[in-house]
Protein backbone atom coordinates (compact mmCIF):
# COMPACT_ATOMS: atom_id res chain seq x y z
CA MET A 1 -45.79 -32.36 7.90
CA LYS A 2 -45.46 -31.22 11.51
CA ARG A 3 -48.44 -28.88 11.13
CA ILE A 4 -50.62 -31.59 9.60
CA LEU A 5 -49.84 -34.08 12.36
CA THR A 6 -50.37 -31.46 15.08
CA THR A 7 -53.72 -30.49 13.56
CA LEU A 8 -54.82 -34.13 13.34
CA MET A 9 -53.86 -34.75 16.95
CA THR A 10 -55.74 -31.61 18.04
CA ILE A 11 -58.87 -32.74 16.17
CA MET A 12 -58.65 -36.20 17.71
CA LEU A 13 -58.31 -34.64 21.18
CA MET A 14 -61.33 -32.39 20.54
CA MET A 15 -63.43 -35.35 19.33
CA GLY A 16 -62.58 -37.30 22.47
CA MET A 17 -63.78 -34.43 24.66
CA ALA A 18 -67.00 -33.74 22.76
CA GLY A 19 -69.13 -35.23 25.50
CA SER A 20 -67.61 -33.24 28.36
CA ALA A 21 -69.28 -30.16 29.84
CA GLU A 22 -66.25 -27.99 29.16
CA THR A 23 -64.20 -28.41 25.98
CA VAL A 24 -60.50 -27.83 26.46
CA TYR A 25 -58.35 -27.19 23.41
CA GLN A 26 -54.67 -27.86 23.55
CA GLU A 27 -51.94 -28.52 21.04
CA ILE A 28 -50.17 -31.79 21.59
CA PRO A 29 -46.53 -31.43 20.59
CA LEU A 30 -45.09 -34.02 18.28
CA PRO A 31 -42.34 -36.23 19.64
CA VAL A 32 -38.90 -34.86 18.81
CA SER A 33 -38.25 -37.91 16.61
CA ALA A 34 -41.18 -36.91 14.31
CA GLN A 35 -40.01 -33.33 13.77
CA PRO A 36 -37.72 -32.54 10.84
CA THR A 37 -34.19 -31.37 11.53
CA PHE A 38 -33.69 -28.44 9.21
CA TYR A 39 -30.31 -27.80 7.64
CA THR A 40 -28.54 -24.63 8.78
CA CYS A 41 -25.67 -22.48 7.58
CA THR A 42 -23.21 -20.86 9.98
CA ASP A 43 -21.26 -17.87 8.68
CA ALA A 44 -17.71 -16.80 9.59
CA SER A 45 -19.06 -14.68 12.46
CA GLY A 46 -20.76 -17.70 14.04
CA ASN A 47 -24.29 -16.63 13.10
CA THR A 48 -26.59 -19.53 12.15
CA TYR A 49 -29.27 -19.26 9.46
CA ASP A 50 -31.97 -21.75 8.49
CA LEU A 51 -34.04 -19.83 5.92
CA PHE A 52 -33.02 -20.80 2.40
CA GLU A 53 -34.02 -18.57 -0.53
CA ILE A 54 -34.42 -20.57 -3.73
CA VAL A 55 -33.49 -18.25 -6.60
CA LYS A 56 -33.54 -20.77 -9.46
CA TRP A 57 -33.74 -24.44 -10.24
CA GLN A 58 -32.49 -26.92 -12.79
CA GLU A 59 -34.82 -29.17 -14.76
CA ASP A 60 -34.39 -32.37 -16.74
CA GLU A 61 -35.69 -32.82 -20.30
CA ASN A 62 -39.17 -33.65 -18.92
CA HIS A 63 -39.36 -30.38 -16.91
CA HIS A 64 -38.92 -32.12 -13.55
CA VAL A 65 -36.90 -30.06 -11.09
CA THR A 66 -33.68 -31.92 -10.27
CA ALA A 67 -31.83 -29.32 -8.17
CA VAL A 68 -32.36 -25.91 -6.59
CA THR A 69 -29.93 -23.01 -6.24
CA GLY A 70 -30.20 -20.42 -3.51
CA ARG A 71 -28.64 -18.70 -0.55
CA PHE A 72 -29.23 -18.67 3.16
CA GLU A 73 -31.26 -15.59 4.00
CA TYR A 74 -29.37 -12.94 5.96
CA ALA A 75 -26.07 -14.85 5.79
CA ASN A 76 -23.49 -12.14 5.23
CA ASN A 77 -21.55 -13.98 2.53
CA GLY A 78 -24.53 -14.09 0.13
CA GLN A 79 -22.99 -16.94 -1.85
CA THR A 80 -25.30 -19.32 -3.66
CA VAL A 81 -25.24 -23.07 -3.26
CA THR A 82 -26.95 -25.79 -5.31
CA PHE A 83 -28.59 -28.82 -3.75
CA PRO A 84 -29.93 -31.76 -5.80
CA LEU A 85 -33.40 -33.06 -4.96
CA ALA A 86 -33.65 -36.60 -3.58
CA ALA A 87 -35.56 -39.22 -5.56
CA ASP A 88 -38.12 -39.32 -2.72
CA PHE A 89 -38.30 -35.51 -2.39
CA SER A 90 -41.41 -34.04 -0.77
CA ALA A 91 -42.44 -30.64 0.52
CA MET A 92 -45.15 -28.68 2.27
CA MET A 93 -45.66 -25.50 0.28
CA LEU A 94 -48.04 -22.54 0.20
CA SER A 95 -51.22 -23.42 -1.69
CA SER A 96 -51.42 -20.08 -3.51
CA MET A 97 -49.74 -16.70 -3.32
CA THR A 98 -53.20 -15.09 -3.38
CA ASP A 99 -54.73 -17.22 -0.62
CA ALA A 100 -55.23 -15.06 2.48
CA ASP A 101 -55.39 -18.16 4.71
CA MET A 102 -51.90 -19.27 3.67
CA TRP A 103 -52.57 -23.00 3.99
CA MET A 104 -49.96 -25.55 3.08
CA ILE A 105 -50.23 -28.44 0.65
CA PRO A 106 -48.05 -31.51 0.06
CA VAL A 107 -45.85 -31.18 -3.05
CA THR A 108 -43.57 -33.55 -4.95
CA ASP A 109 -43.30 -31.59 -8.23
CA LEU A 110 -41.87 -28.09 -7.62
CA ARG A 111 -42.43 -26.84 -11.18
CA ALA A 112 -46.11 -27.88 -11.26
CA TRP A 113 -46.62 -26.40 -7.78
CA TYR A 114 -44.99 -23.10 -8.74
CA ILE A 115 -47.06 -22.74 -11.93
CA SER A 116 -50.24 -23.42 -9.96
CA ALA A 117 -49.45 -21.28 -6.90
CA TYR A 118 -47.60 -18.35 -8.45
CA LEU A 119 -48.42 -18.25 -12.18
CA TYR A 120 -52.17 -18.79 -11.78
CA GLY A 121 -51.97 -22.23 -13.41
CA THR A 122 -50.55 -20.96 -16.71
CA ALA A 123 -47.07 -22.06 -17.75
CA PRO A 124 -45.00 -19.59 -19.77
CA GLU A 125 -45.67 -19.91 -23.51
CA SER A 126 -42.04 -20.79 -24.14
CA GLY A 127 -42.27 -23.59 -21.57
CA LYS A 128 -39.24 -22.10 -19.83
CA ILE A 129 -39.51 -20.36 -16.47
CA VAL A 130 -37.31 -17.25 -16.43
CA PHE A 131 -35.56 -16.61 -13.12
CA ALA A 132 -34.85 -13.05 -11.92
CA TYR A 133 -31.46 -14.42 -10.84
CA ASP A 134 -30.54 -14.97 -14.52
CA VAL A 135 -31.64 -11.61 -15.99
CA SER A 136 -30.24 -8.10 -15.70
CA GLN A 137 -31.81 -5.64 -13.27
CA GLU A 138 -33.06 -3.59 -16.20
CA ASP A 139 -35.01 -6.55 -17.57
CA ALA A 140 -38.31 -6.82 -15.70
CA ALA A 141 -39.45 -9.89 -17.65
CA PHE A 142 -39.12 -12.88 -15.34
CA ASP A 143 -41.44 -15.52 -13.89
CA PHE A 144 -39.61 -16.43 -10.69
CA TRP A 145 -38.06 -14.11 -8.11
CA PHE A 146 -37.42 -16.33 -5.06
CA ILE A 147 -39.19 -18.46 -2.45
CA THR A 148 -38.10 -18.96 1.14
CA VAL A 149 -38.01 -22.45 2.61
CA ARG A 150 -36.39 -24.57 5.28
CA ILE A 151 -34.69 -27.71 3.99
CA VAL A 152 -33.85 -31.18 5.28
CA LEU A 153 -30.91 -32.97 3.66
CA ASN A 154 -30.48 -36.73 3.45
CA ASP A 155 -27.14 -38.49 4.00
CA ALA A 156 -26.21 -37.91 0.33
CA GLY A 157 -26.56 -34.12 0.70
CA GLU A 158 -29.78 -34.01 -1.35
CA ILE A 159 -32.91 -32.14 -0.30
CA ALA A 160 -35.27 -34.81 0.98
CA TYR A 161 -37.86 -32.39 2.38
CA MET A 162 -38.59 -28.67 2.27
CA GLU A 163 -41.15 -26.50 3.96
CA TYR A 164 -42.34 -23.08 2.77
CA GLU A 165 -41.63 -20.27 5.20
CA TYR A 166 -43.61 -17.03 5.09
CA VAL A 167 -41.32 -14.05 5.56
CA PRO A 168 -43.23 -10.75 5.82
CA TRP A 169 -41.96 -7.76 3.88
CA GLY A 170 -40.90 -4.63 5.70
């Protein structure tokens, strides 16, 4: 959401300067009140982590994601935690894993987004997404490894908002 608002403000600024002899481009920062406060995890050593790796999710009978399970990246305890999704859940996620531009899109249905972005629009024949987290290391047949996000929790401890975070390999 922050990126969309910043982009819109930059475009508006550029349009206002279109008549000037010299065009000046600048990013106008959002007010602090408009920026999400991402949830963090602090380990026993006092290190704070904000990147959350989703390793699996839970669905209801209609295949709507109701909760996600994951761990905070680089946290030395490696324990998983499950967060329910809020009724008004929303996200900004990567449009496609094959898109070189890596643009973000608004998402309210994680399962539909994942099938579109990572499974090329084709749901598994069984209808069930297989998570690497649930299979043995010898079994290479899975649909979902993990995705890295930052999360915002509401007062009830549910994920109200998440934002995809690109983490380069290597």
